[in-house]
PDB file of N, CA and C in Angstrom:
ATOM      1  N   MET A   1     -23.478  40.212   9.136  1.00  0.00           N
ATOM      2  CA  MET A   1     -22.221  40.875   9.362  1.00  0.00           C
ATOM      3  C   MET A   1     -21.521  41.115   8.023  1.00  0.00           C
ATOM      4  N   ILE A   2     -21.007  42.267   7.815  1.00  0.00           N
ATOM      5  CA  ILE A   2     -20.376  42.621   6.548  1.00  0.00           C
ATOM      6  C   ILE A   2     -19.114  41.832   6.266  1.00  0.00           C
ATOM      7  N   ILE A   3     -18.327  41.484   7.281  1.00  0.00           N
ATOM      8  CA  ILE A   3     -17.091  40.757   7.026  1.00  0.00           C
ATOM      9  C   ILE A   3     -17.336  39.318   6.591  1.00  0.00           C
ATOM     10  N   SER A   4     -18.547  38.830   6.692  1.00  0.00           N
ATOM     11  CA  SER A   4     -18.882  37.474   6.286  1.00  0.00           C
ATOM     12  C   SER A   4     -19.648  37.435   4.967  1.00  0.00           C
ATOM     13  N   ASP A   5     -19.649  38.509   4.237  1.00  0.00           N
ATOM     14  CA  ASP A   5     -20.382  38.562   2.968  1.00  0.00           C
ATOM     15  C   ASP A   5     -19.513  37.997   1.843  1.00  0.00           C
ATOM     16  N   TYR A   6     -19.344  36.667   1.851  1.00  0.00           N
ATOM     17  CA  TYR A   6     -18.489  36.026   0.857  1.00  0.00           C
ATOM     18  C   TYR A   6     -19.060  36.143  -0.551  1.00  0.00           C
ATOM     19  N   GLU A   7     -20.381  36.073  -0.652  1.00  0.00           N
ATOM     20  CA  GLU A   7     -21.016  36.203  -1.965  1.00  0.00           C
ATOM     21  C   GLU A   7     -20.791  37.604  -2.533  1.00  0.00           C
ATOM     22  N   GLY A   8     -20.949  38.610  -1.692  1.00  0.00           N
ATOM     23  CA  GLY A   8     -20.694  39.991  -2.134  1.00  0.00           C
ATOM     24  C   GLY A   8     -19.244  40.191  -2.521  1.00  0.00           C
ATOM     25  N   ALA A   9     -18.334  39.618  -1.736  1.00  0.00           N
ATOM     26  CA  ALA A   9     -16.906  39.716  -2.056  1.00  0.00           C
ATOM     27  C   ALA A   9     -16.607  39.038  -3.393  1.00  0.00           C
ATOM     28  N   SER A  10     -17.252  37.909  -3.633  1.00  0.00           N
ATOM     29  CA  SER A  10     -17.056  37.194  -4.904  1.00  0.00           C
ATOM     30  C   SER A  10     -17.471  38.071  -6.082  1.00  0.00           C
ATOM     31  N   LYS A  11     -18.593  38.746  -5.941  1.00  0.00           N
ATOM     32  CA  LYS A  11     -19.064  39.629  -7.016  1.00  0.00           C
ATOM     33  C   LYS A  11     -18.085  40.775  -7.257  1.00  0.00           C
ATOM     34  N   ILE A  12     -17.564  41.347  -6.181  1.00  0.00           N
ATOM     35  CA  ILE A  12     -16.589  42.443  -6.317  1.00  0.00           C
ATOM     36  C   ILE A  12     -15.312  41.938  -6.980  1.00  0.00           C
ATOM     37  N   PHE A  13     -14.814  40.772  -6.526  1.00  0.00           N
ATOM     38  CA  PHE A  13     -13.616  40.214  -7.151  1.00  0.00           C
ATOM     39  C   PHE A  13     -13.853  39.913  -8.630  1.00  0.00           C
ATOM     40  N   ASP A  14     -15.003  39.329  -8.963  1.00  0.00           N
ATOM     41  CA  ASP A  14     -15.308  39.007 -10.366  1.00  0.00           C
ATOM     42  C   ASP A  14     -15.307  40.271 -11.226  1.00  0.00           C
ATOM     43  N   LYS A  15     -15.913  41.331 -10.723  1.00  0.00           N
ATOM     44  CA  LYS A  15     -15.926  42.607 -11.461  1.00  0.00           C
ATOM     45  C   LYS A  15     -14.521  43.166 -11.616  1.00  0.00           C
ATOM     46  N   GLY A  16     -13.750  43.123 -10.535  1.00  0.00           N
ATOM     47  CA  GLY A  16     -12.386  43.647 -10.571  1.00  0.00           C
ATOM     48  C   GLY A  16     -11.503  42.882 -11.536  1.00  0.00           C
ATOM     49  N   VAL A  17     -11.595  41.573 -11.512  1.00  0.00           N
ATOM     50  CA  VAL A  17     -10.783  40.748 -12.411  1.00  0.00           C
ATOM     51  C   VAL A  17     -11.201  40.969 -13.864  1.00  0.00           C
ATOM     52  N   ALA A  18     -12.490  41.115 -14.105  1.00  0.00           N
ATOM     53  CA  ALA A  18     -12.962  41.377 -15.476  1.00  0.00           C
ATOM     54  C   ALA A  18     -12.422  42.713 -15.988  1.00  0.00           C
ATOM     55  N   ALA A  19     -12.365  43.704 -15.115  1.00  0.00           N
ATOM     56  CA  ALA A  19     -11.885  45.031 -15.518  1.00  0.00           C
ATOM     57  C   ALA A  19     -10.359  45.114 -15.573  1.00  0.00           C
ATOM     58  N   HIS A  20      -9.673  44.315 -14.746  1.00  0.00           N
ATOM     59  CA  HIS A  20      -8.207  44.389 -14.646  1.00  0.00           C
ATOM     60  C   HIS A  20      -7.599  42.984 -14.620  1.00  0.00           C
ATOM     61  N   PRO A  21      -7.742  42.227 -15.705  1.00  0.00           N
ATOM     62  CA  PRO A  21      -7.294  40.825 -15.701  1.00  0.00           C
ATOM     63  C   PRO A  21      -5.780  40.639 -15.609  1.00  0.00           C
ATOM     64  N   ASN A  22      -5.004  41.681 -15.864  1.00  0.00           N
ATOM     65  CA  ASN A  22      -3.551  41.548 -15.842  1.00  0.00           C
ATOM     66  C   ASN A  22      -2.913  42.045 -14.549  1.00  0.00           C
ATOM     67  N   GLN A  23      -3.725  42.405 -13.570  1.00  0.00           N
ATOM     68  CA  GLN A  23      -3.218  42.858 -12.270  1.00  0.00           C
ATOM     69  C   GLN A  23      -3.049  41.634 -11.375  1.00  0.00           C
ATOM     70  N   TRP A  24      -1.834  41.127 -11.299  1.00  0.00           N
ATOM     71  CA  TRP A  24      -1.628  39.836 -10.646  1.00  0.00           C
ATOM     72  C   TRP A  24      -1.987  39.841  -9.163  1.00  0.00           C
ATOM     73  N   ARG A  25      -1.809  40.932  -8.483  1.00  0.00           N
ATOM     74  CA  ARG A  25      -2.170  40.945  -7.062  1.00  0.00           C
ATOM     75  C   ARG A  25      -3.695  40.792  -6.886  1.00  0.00           C
ATOM     76  N   LEU A  26      -4.431  41.350  -7.800  1.00  0.00           N
ATOM     77  CA  LEU A  26      -5.889  41.223  -7.763  1.00  0.00           C
ATOM     78  C   LEU A  26      -6.314  39.794  -8.089  1.00  0.00           C
ATOM     79  N   THR A  27      -5.737  39.213  -9.149  1.00  0.00           N
ATOM     80  CA  THR A  27      -6.118  37.839  -9.501  1.00  0.00           C
ATOM     81  C   THR A  27      -5.680  36.856  -8.416  1.00  0.00           C
ATOM     82  N   TYR A  28      -4.560  37.161  -7.753  1.00  0.00           N
ATOM     83  CA  TYR A  28      -4.120  36.306  -6.649  1.00  0.00           C
ATOM     84  C   TYR A  28      -5.131  36.368  -5.491  1.00  0.00           C
ATOM     85  N   ALA A  29      -5.509  37.570  -5.101  1.00  0.00           N
ATOM     86  CA  ALA A  29      -6.481  37.729  -4.007  1.00  0.00           C
ATOM     87  C   ALA A  29      -7.813  37.070  -4.370  1.00  0.00           C
ATOM     88  N   ALA A  30      -8.232  37.222  -5.619  1.00  0.00           N
ATOM     89  CA  ALA A  30      -9.480  36.598  -6.064  1.00  0.00           C
ATOM     90  C   ALA A  30      -9.355  35.073  -6.044  1.00  0.00           C
ATOM     91  N   GLY A  31      -8.194  34.564  -6.444  1.00  0.00           N
ATOM     92  CA  GLY A  31      -7.963  33.123  -6.409  1.00  0.00           C
ATOM     93  C   GLY A  31      -7.986  32.581  -4.993  1.00  0.00           C
ATOM     94  N   TYR A  32      -7.359  33.302  -4.089  1.00  0.00           N
ATOM     95  CA  TYR A  32      -7.362  32.914  -2.681  1.00  0.00           C
ATOM     96  C   TYR A  32      -8.797  32.876  -2.151  1.00  0.00           C
ATOM     97  N   HIS A  33      -9.546  33.909  -2.468  1.00  0.00           N
ATOM     98  CA  HIS A  33     -10.946  33.971  -2.049  1.00  0.00           C
ATOM     99  C   HIS A  33     -11.745  32.802  -2.646  1.00  0.00           C
ATOM    100  N   SER A  34     -11.523  32.529  -3.926  1.00  0.00           N
ATOM    101  CA  SER A  34     -12.238  31.432  -4.584  1.00  0.00           C
ATOM    102  C   SER A  34     -11.934  30.092  -3.936  1.00  0.00           C
ATOM    103  N   LEU A  35     -10.667  29.891  -3.594  1.00  0.00           N
ATOM    104  CA  LEU A  35     -10.263  28.615  -3.015  1.00  0.00           C
ATOM    105  C   LEU A  35     -10.779  28.443  -1.581  1.00  0.00           C
ATOM    106  N   PHE A  36     -10.570  29.437  -0.749  1.00  0.00           N
ATOM    107  CA  PHE A  36     -10.862  29.267   0.668  1.00  0.00           C
ATOM    108  C   PHE A  36     -12.257  29.701   1.102  1.00  0.00           C
ATOM    109  N   GLU A  37     -12.847  30.634   0.404  1.00  0.00           N
ATOM    110  CA  GLU A  37     -14.187  31.098   0.802  1.00  0.00           C
ATOM    111  C   GLU A  37     -15.283  30.483  -0.063  1.00  0.00           C
ATOM    112  N   GLU A  38     -15.056  30.429  -1.382  1.00  0.00           N
ATOM    113  CA  GLU A  38     -16.058  29.851  -2.277  1.00  0.00           C
ATOM    114  C   GLU A  38     -15.936  28.337  -2.374  1.00  0.00           C
ATOM    115  N   LYS A  39     -14.771  27.807  -2.015  1.00  0.00           N
ATOM    116  CA  LYS A  39     -14.480  26.369  -2.151  1.00  0.00           C
ATOM    117  C   LYS A  39     -14.606  25.923  -3.607  1.00  0.00           C
ATOM    118  N   ASN A  40     -14.153  26.798  -4.519  1.00  0.00           N
ATOM    119  CA  ASN A  40     -14.243  26.535  -5.952  1.00  0.00           C
ATOM    120  C   ASN A  40     -12.825  26.366  -6.504  1.00  0.00           C
ATOM    121  N   LYS A  41     -12.362  25.119  -6.540  1.00  0.00           N
ATOM    122  CA  LYS A  41     -10.990  24.840  -6.959  1.00  0.00           C
ATOM    123  C   LYS A  41     -10.747  25.160  -8.428  1.00  0.00           C
ATOM    124  N   ALA A  42     -11.727  24.891  -9.281  1.00  0.00           N
ATOM    125  CA  ALA A  42     -11.547  25.163 -10.711  1.00  0.00           C
ATOM    126  C   ALA A  42     -11.385  26.668 -10.968  1.00  0.00           C
ATOM    127  N   LYS A  43     -12.201  27.470 -10.318  1.00  0.00           N
ATOM    128  CA  LYS A  43     -12.106  28.927 -10.479  1.00  0.00           C
ATOM    129  C   LYS A  43     -10.786  29.441  -9.908  1.00  0.00           C
ATOM    130  N   ALA A  44     -10.404  28.943  -8.733  1.00  0.00           N
ATOM    131  CA  ALA A  44      -9.136  29.351  -8.123  1.00  0.00           C
ATOM    132  C   ALA A  44      -7.974  28.988  -9.036  1.00  0.00           C
ATOM    133  N   SER A  45      -8.037  27.821  -9.643  1.00  0.00           N
ATOM    134  CA  SER A  45      -6.989  27.387 -10.557  1.00  0.00           C
ATOM    135  C   SER A  45      -6.817  28.368 -11.705  1.00  0.00           C
ATOM    136  N   SER A  46      -7.911  28.752 -12.298  1.00  0.00           N
ATOM    137  CA  SER A  46      -7.873  29.707 -13.412  1.00  0.00           C
ATOM    138  C   SER A  46      -7.268  31.044 -12.978  1.00  0.00           C
ATOM    139  N   LEU A  47      -7.650  31.504 -11.812  1.00  0.00           N
ATOM    140  CA  LEU A  47      -7.135  32.778 -11.312  1.00  0.00           C
ATOM    141  C   LEU A  47      -5.655  32.683 -10.948  1.00  0.00           C
ATOM    142  N   PHE A  48      -5.236  31.576 -10.344  1.00  0.00           N
ATOM    143  CA  PHE A  48      -3.821  31.413 -10.003  1.00  0.00           C
ATOM    144  C   PHE A  48      -2.962  31.278 -11.265  1.00  0.00           C
ATOM    145  N   LEU A  49      -3.494  30.643 -12.290  1.00  0.00           N
ATOM    146  CA  LEU A  49      -2.756  30.548 -13.546  1.00  0.00           C
ATOM    147  C   LEU A  49      -2.590  31.933 -14.170  1.00  0.00           C
ATOM    148  N   ALA A  50      -3.653  32.728 -14.162  1.00  0.00           N
ATOM    149  CA  ALA A  50      -3.562  34.109 -14.663  1.00  0.00           C
ATOM    150  C   ALA A  50      -2.547  34.913 -13.851  1.00  0.00           C
ATOM    151  N   THR A  51      -2.534  34.686 -12.544  1.00  0.00           N
ATOM    152  CA  THR A  51      -1.590  35.380 -11.678  1.00  0.00           C
ATOM    153  C   THR A  51      -0.161  35.075 -12.076  1.00  0.00           C
ATOM    154  N   SER A  52       0.140  33.797 -12.274  1.00  0.00           N
ATOM    155  CA  SER A  52       1.513  33.406 -12.600  1.00  0.00           C
ATOM    156  C   SER A  52       1.944  33.907 -13.980  1.00  0.00           C
ATOM    157  N   LYS A  53       0.990  34.058 -14.881  1.00  0.00           N
ATOM    158  CA  LYS A  53       1.315  34.542 -16.232  1.00  0.00           C
ATOM    159  C   LYS A  53       1.457  36.062 -16.298  1.00  0.00           C
ATOM    160  N   ASN A  54       0.999  36.752 -15.263  1.00  0.00           N
ATOM    161  CA  ASN A  54       1.010  38.217 -15.287  1.00  0.00           C
ATOM    162  C   ASN A  54       1.913  38.831 -14.220  1.00  0.00           C
ATOM    163  N   GLY A  55       2.997  38.141 -13.893  1.00  0.00           N
ATOM    164  CA  GLY A  55       3.978  38.716 -12.995  1.00  0.00           C
ATOM    165  C   GLY A  55       3.968  38.168 -11.583  1.00  0.00           C
ATOM    166  N   GLY A  56       3.005  37.340 -11.258  1.00  0.00           N
ATOM    167  CA  GLY A  56       2.955  36.752  -9.924  1.00  0.00           C
ATOM    168  C   GLY A  56       3.923  35.589  -9.808  1.00  0.00           C
ATOM    169  N   PRO A  57       3.998  34.991  -8.643  1.00  0.00           N
ATOM    170  CA  PRO A  57       4.907  33.862  -8.426  1.00  0.00           C
ATOM    171  C   PRO A  57       4.627  32.705  -9.392  1.00  0.00           C
ATOM    172  N   LYS A  58       5.685  32.191  -9.989  1.00  0.00           N
ATOM    173  CA  LYS A  58       5.540  31.119 -10.984  1.00  0.00           C
ATOM    174  C   LYS A  58       5.018  29.818 -10.382  1.00  0.00           C
ATOM    175  N   TRP A  59       5.275  29.593  -9.087  1.00  0.00           N
ATOM    176  CA  TRP A  59       4.823  28.352  -8.459  1.00  0.00           C
ATOM    177  C   TRP A  59       3.305  28.245  -8.435  1.00  0.00           C
ATOM    178  N   LEU A  60       2.618  29.355  -8.655  1.00  0.00           N
ATOM    179  CA  LEU A  60       1.158  29.292  -8.671  1.00  0.00           C
ATOM    180  C   LEU A  60       0.636  28.468  -9.844  1.00  0.00           C
ATOM    181  N   SER A  61       1.428  28.353 -10.912  1.00  0.00           N
ATOM    182  CA  SER A  61       1.018  27.496 -12.034  1.00  0.00           C
ATOM    183  C   SER A  61       0.939  26.046 -11.590  1.00  0.00           C
ATOM    184  N   THR A  62       1.889  25.637 -10.764  1.00  0.00           N
ATOM    185  CA  THR A  62       1.877  24.268 -10.242  1.00  0.00           C
ATOM    186  C   THR A  62       0.662  24.055  -9.348  1.00  0.00           C
ATOM    187  N   LEU A  63       0.355  25.037  -8.516  1.00  0.00           N
ATOM    188  CA  LEU A  63      -0.843  24.956  -7.677  1.00  0.00           C
ATOM    189  C   LEU A  63      -2.095  24.900  -8.550  1.00  0.00           C
ATOM    190  N   ALA A  64      -2.121  25.692  -9.615  1.00  0.00           N
ATOM    191  CA  ALA A  64      -3.269  25.679 -10.527  1.00  0.00           C
ATOM    192  C   ALA A  64      -3.473  24.281 -11.109  1.00  0.00           C
ATOM    193  N   ALA A  65      -2.376  23.640 -11.514  1.00  0.00           N
ATOM    194  CA  ALA A  65      -2.474  22.285 -12.062  1.00  0.00           C
ATOM    195  C   ALA A  65      -2.989  21.313 -11.003  1.00  0.00           C
ATOM    196  N   LYS A  66      -2.494  21.423  -9.782  1.00  0.00           N
ATOM    197  CA  LYS A  66      -2.939  20.551  -8.688  1.00  0.00           C
ATOM    198  C   LYS A  66      -4.434  20.724  -8.422  1.00  0.00           C
ATOM    199  N   LEU A  67      -4.884  21.966  -8.429  1.00  0.00           N
ATOM    200  CA  LEU A  67      -6.309  22.217  -8.194  1.00  0.00           C
ATOM    201  C   LEU A  67      -7.168  21.642  -9.318  1.00  0.00           C
ATOM    202  N   LEU A  68      -6.658  21.678 -10.539  1.00  0.00           N
ATOM    203  CA  LEU A  68      -7.399  21.075 -11.655  1.00  0.00           C
ATOM    204  C   LEU A  68      -7.490  19.563 -11.498  1.00  0.00           C
ATOM    205  N   VAL A  69      -6.400  18.950 -11.068  1.00  0.00           N
ATOM    206  CA  VAL A  69      -6.426  17.512 -10.820  1.00  0.00           C
ATOM    207  C   VAL A  69      -7.482  17.204  -9.761  1.00  0.00           C
ATOM    208  N   ASP A  70      -7.476  17.982  -8.686  1.00  0.00           N
ATOM    209  CA  ASP A  70      -8.456  17.784  -7.609  1.00  0.00           C
ATOM    210  C   ASP A  70      -9.887  17.980  -8.101  1.00  0.00           C
ATOM    211  N   SER A  71     -10.061  18.792  -9.140  1.00  0.00           N
ATOM    212  CA  SER A  71     -11.390  19.056  -9.702  1.00  0.00           C
ATOM    213  C   SER A  71     -11.768  18.053 -10.784  1.00  0.00           C
ATOM    214  N   GLY A  72     -10.867  17.103 -11.059  1.00  0.00           N
ATOM    215  CA  GLY A  72     -11.137  16.091 -12.069  1.00  0.00           C
ATOM    216  C   GLY A  72     -10.771  16.503 -13.483  1.00  0.00           C
ATOM    217  N   GLU A  73     -10.081  17.594 -13.640  1.00  0.00           N
ATOM    218  CA  GLU A  73      -9.709  18.095 -14.969  1.00  0.00           C
ATOM    219  C   GLU A  73      -8.237  17.806 -15.240  1.00  0.00           C
ATOM    220  N   LYS A  74      -7.922  16.516 -15.353  1.00  0.00           N
ATOM    221  CA  LYS A  74      -6.526  16.090 -15.486  1.00  0.00           C
ATOM    222  C   LYS A  74      -5.891  16.504 -16.812  1.00  0.00           C
ATOM    223  N   GLU A  75      -6.657  16.514 -17.872  1.00  0.00           N
ATOM    224  CA  GLU A  75      -6.093  16.915 -19.169  1.00  0.00           C
ATOM    225  C   GLU A  75      -5.684  18.393 -19.154  1.00  0.00           C
ATOM    226  N   ALA A  76      -6.498  19.214 -18.533  1.00  0.00           N
ATOM    227  CA  ALA A  76      -6.155  20.635 -18.417  1.00  0.00           C
ATOM    228  C   ALA A  76      -4.914  20.809 -17.551  1.00  0.00           C
ATOM    229  N   ALA A  77      -4.806  20.019 -16.485  1.00  0.00           N
ATOM    230  CA  ALA A  77      -3.627  20.075 -15.617  1.00  0.00           C
ATOM    231  C   ALA A  77      -2.379  19.665 -16.398  1.00  0.00           C
ATOM    232  N   LYS A  78      -2.496  18.626 -17.208  1.00  0.00           N
ATOM    233  CA  LYS A  78      -1.355  18.186 -18.029  1.00  0.00           C
ATOM    234  C   LYS A  78      -0.928  19.292 -18.982  1.00  0.00           C
ATOM    235  N   ALA A  79      -1.892  19.983 -19.566  1.00  0.00           N
ATOM    236  CA  ALA A  79      -1.568  21.070 -20.501  1.00  0.00           C
ATOM    237  C   ALA A  79      -0.801  22.190 -19.801  1.00  0.00           C
ATOM    238  N   ILE A  80      -1.199  22.516 -18.579  1.00  0.00           N
ATOM    239  CA  ILE A  80      -0.493  23.551 -17.817  1.00  0.00           C
ATOM    240  C   ILE A  80       0.942  23.118 -17.549  1.00  0.00           C
ATOM    241  N   LEU A  81       1.119  21.886 -17.076  1.00  0.00           N
ATOM    242  CA  LEU A  81       2.460  21.398 -16.768  1.00  0.00           C
ATOM    243  C   LEU A  81       3.337  21.350 -18.012  1.00  0.00           C
ATOM    244  N   GLU A  82       2.790  20.900 -19.127  1.00  0.00           N
ATOM    245  CA  GLU A  82       3.555  20.844 -20.379  1.00  0.00           C
ATOM    246  C   GLU A  82       3.969  22.239 -20.836  1.00  0.00           C
ATOM    247  N   GLU A  83       3.070  23.199 -20.702  1.00  0.00           N
ATOM    248  CA  GLU A  83       3.389  24.580 -21.071  1.00  0.00           C
ATOM    249  C   GLU A  83       4.491  25.142 -20.168  1.00  0.00           C
ATOM    250  N   MET A  84       4.404  24.849 -18.885  1.00  0.00           N
ATOM    251  CA  MET A  84       5.425  25.330 -17.953  1.00  0.00           C
ATOM    252  C   MET A  84       6.788  24.708 -18.251  1.00  0.00           C
ATOM    253  N   ILE A  85       6.817  23.432 -18.578  1.00  0.00           N
ATOM    254  CA  ILE A  85       8.073  22.755 -18.914  1.00  0.00           C
ATOM    255  C   ILE A  85       8.692  23.397 -20.141  1.00  0.00           C
ATOM    256  N   ALA A  86       7.867  23.669 -21.141  1.00  0.00           N
ATOM    257  CA  ALA A  86       8.362  24.255 -22.391  1.00  0.00           C
ATOM    258  C   ALA A  86       8.895  25.674 -22.219  1.00  0.00           C
ATOM    259  N   SER A  87       8.325  26.428 -21.284  1.00  0.00           N
ATOM    260  CA  SER A  87       8.713  27.830 -21.148  1.00  0.00           C
ATOM    261  C   SER A  87       9.670  28.101 -19.989  1.00  0.00           C
ATOM    262  N   ASN A  88      10.013  27.084 -19.237  1.00  0.00           N
ATOM    263  CA  ASN A  88      10.844  27.268 -18.053  1.00  0.00           C
ATOM    264  C   ASN A  88      12.329  27.186 -18.383  1.00  0.00           C
ATOM    265  N   GLU A  89      13.130  27.961 -17.670  1.00  0.00           N
ATOM    266  CA  GLU A  89      14.579  27.945 -17.878  1.00  0.00           C
ATOM    267  C   GLU A  89      15.354  27.431 -16.665  1.00  0.00           C
ATOM    268  N   ASP A  90      14.663  27.127 -15.592  1.00  0.00           N
ATOM    269  CA  ASP A  90      15.305  26.643 -14.375  1.00  0.00           C
ATOM    270  C   ASP A  90      15.321  25.115 -14.382  1.00  0.00           C
ATOM    271  N   PRO A  91      16.508  24.497 -14.476  1.00  0.00           N
ATOM    272  CA  PRO A  91      16.582  23.034 -14.570  1.00  0.00           C
ATOM    273  C   PRO A  91      15.952  22.304 -13.379  1.00  0.00           C
ATOM    274  N   LYS A  92      16.105  22.843 -12.174  1.00  0.00           N
ATOM    275  CA  LYS A  92      15.505  22.197 -10.997  1.00  0.00           C
ATOM    276  C   LYS A  92      13.987  22.207 -11.086  1.00  0.00           C
ATOM    277  N   LEU A  93      13.437  23.356 -11.481  1.00  0.00           N
ATOM    278  CA  LEU A  93      11.990  23.453 -11.613  1.00  0.00           C
ATOM    279  C   LEU A  93      11.499  22.562 -12.743  1.00  0.00           C
ATOM    280  N   THR A  94      12.241  22.519 -13.836  1.00  0.00           N
ATOM    281  CA  THR A  94      11.857  21.660 -14.959  1.00  0.00           C
ATOM    282  C   THR A  94      11.792  20.204 -14.516  1.00  0.00           C
ATOM    283  N   ASP A  95      12.796  19.750 -13.752  1.00  0.00           N
ATOM    284  CA  ASP A  95      12.791  18.372 -13.255  1.00  0.00           C
ATOM    285  C   ASP A  95      11.571  18.122 -12.364  1.00  0.00           C
ATOM    286  N   HIS A  96      11.267  19.094 -11.508  1.00  0.00           N
ATOM    287  CA  HIS A  96      10.102  18.975 -10.620  1.00  0.00           C
ATOM    288  C   HIS A  96       8.801  18.887 -11.438  1.00  0.00           C
ATOM    289  N   LEU A  97       8.686  19.734 -12.441  1.00  0.00           N
ATOM    290  CA  LEU A  97       7.484  19.738 -13.278  1.00  0.00           C
ATOM    291  C   LEU A  97       7.339  18.438 -14.052  1.00  0.00           C
ATOM    292  N   LYS A  98       8.454  17.926 -14.554  1.00  0.00           N
ATOM    293  CA  LYS A  98       8.417  16.660 -15.287  1.00  0.00           C
ATOM    294  C   LYS A  98       7.977  15.519 -14.371  1.00  0.00           C
ATOM    295  N   LYS A  99       8.430  15.545 -13.124  1.00  0.00           N
ATOM    296  CA  LYS A  99       8.021  14.526 -12.154  1.00  0.00           C
ATOM    297  C   LYS A  99       6.521  14.628 -11.884  1.00  0.00           C
ATOM    298  N   ARG A 100       6.028  15.841 -11.734  1.00  0.00           N
ATOM    299  CA  ARG A 100       4.578  16.038 -11.518  1.00  0.00           C
ATOM    300  C   ARG A 100       3.784  15.509 -12.708  1.00  0.00           C
ATOM    301  N   LEU A 101       4.261  15.814 -13.917  1.00  0.00           N
ATOM    302  CA  LEU A 101       3.580  15.355 -15.124  1.00  0.00           C
ATOM    303  C   LEU A 101       3.612  13.834 -15.206  1.00  0.00           C
ATOM    304  N   GLU A 102       4.747  13.249 -14.898  1.00  0.00           N
ATOM    305  CA  GLU A 102       4.883  11.796 -14.913  1.00  0.00           C
ATOM    306  C   GLU A 102       3.922  11.155 -13.898  1.00  0.00           C
ATOM    307  N   ASP A 103       3.857  11.724 -12.694  1.00  0.00           N
ATOM    308  CA  ASP A 103       2.933  11.207 -11.669  1.00  0.00           C
ATOM    309  C   ASP A 103       1.483  11.315 -12.127  1.00  0.00           C
ATOM    310  N   LEU A 104       1.157  12.424 -12.770  1.00  0.00           N
ATOM    311  CA  LEU A 104      -0.204  12.630 -13.266  1.00  0.00           C
ATOM    312  C   LEU A 104      -0.547  11.607 -14.344  1.00  0.00           C
ATOM    313  N   GLU A 105       0.386  11.364 -15.239  1.00  0.00           N
ATOM    314  CA  GLU A 105       0.146  10.399 -16.318  1.00  0.00           C
ATOM    315  C   GLU A 105       0.025   8.986 -15.764  1.00  0.00           C
ATOM    316  N   LYS A 106       0.827   8.643 -14.750  1.00  0.00           N
ATOM    317  CA  LYS A 106       0.708   7.327 -14.110  1.00  0.00           C
ATOM    318  C   LYS A 106      -0.659   7.175 -13.467  1.00  0.00           C
ATOM    319  N   ASP A 107      -1.081   8.225 -12.763  1.00  0.00           N
ATOM    320  CA  ASP A 107      -2.372   8.186 -12.091  1.00  0.00           C
ATOM    321  C   ASP A 107      -3.510   8.062 -13.090  1.00  0.00           C
ATOM    322  N   SER A 108      -3.385   8.749 -14.227  1.00  0.00           N
ATOM    323  CA  SER A 108      -4.433   8.702 -15.265  1.00  0.00           C
ATOM    324  C   SER A 108      -4.521   7.315 -15.887  1.00  0.00           C
ATOM    325  N   SER A 109      -3.380   6.645 -16.029  1.00  0.00           N
ATOM    326  CA  SER A 109      -3.390   5.325 -16.676  1.00  0.00           C
ATOM    327  C   SER A 109      -3.938   4.232 -15.759  1.00  0.00           C
ATOM    328  N   LYS A 110      -3.983   4.500 -14.456  1.00  0.00           N
ATOM    329  CA  LYS A 110      -4.502   3.514 -13.497  1.00  0.00           C
ATOM    330  C   LYS A 110      -6.016   3.394 -13.594  1.00  0.00           C
ATOM    331  N   LYS A 111      -6.678   4.404 -14.109  1.00  0.00           N
ATOM    332  CA  LYS A 111      -8.152   4.421 -14.108  1.00  0.00           C
ATOM    333  C   LYS A 111      -8.726   4.026 -15.429  1.00  0.00           C
TER     334      LYS A 111
END
């Protein structure tokens, strides 16, 4: 069935993102596909981060960091959170990001 061709869809999304990396709606759709159809959290994280940097919703950066943590890439997640804290102007969001970073650092020190 054509609607179940997840591998084919992945190839189309990969080509589209390579040709148009700054089109946030495309990177968002590709990230969604990567997360829910490919079950590839690291790839989805990268796409959601690109989305947030290119005009998409800023909260996707937080999701990208969470997906990296889930993929075992805690240092990369910390880097995303630190970058967001440095570039953010919303005090409420900054407090939220700092709490996430603090929780991540606590979790990292337990292991």
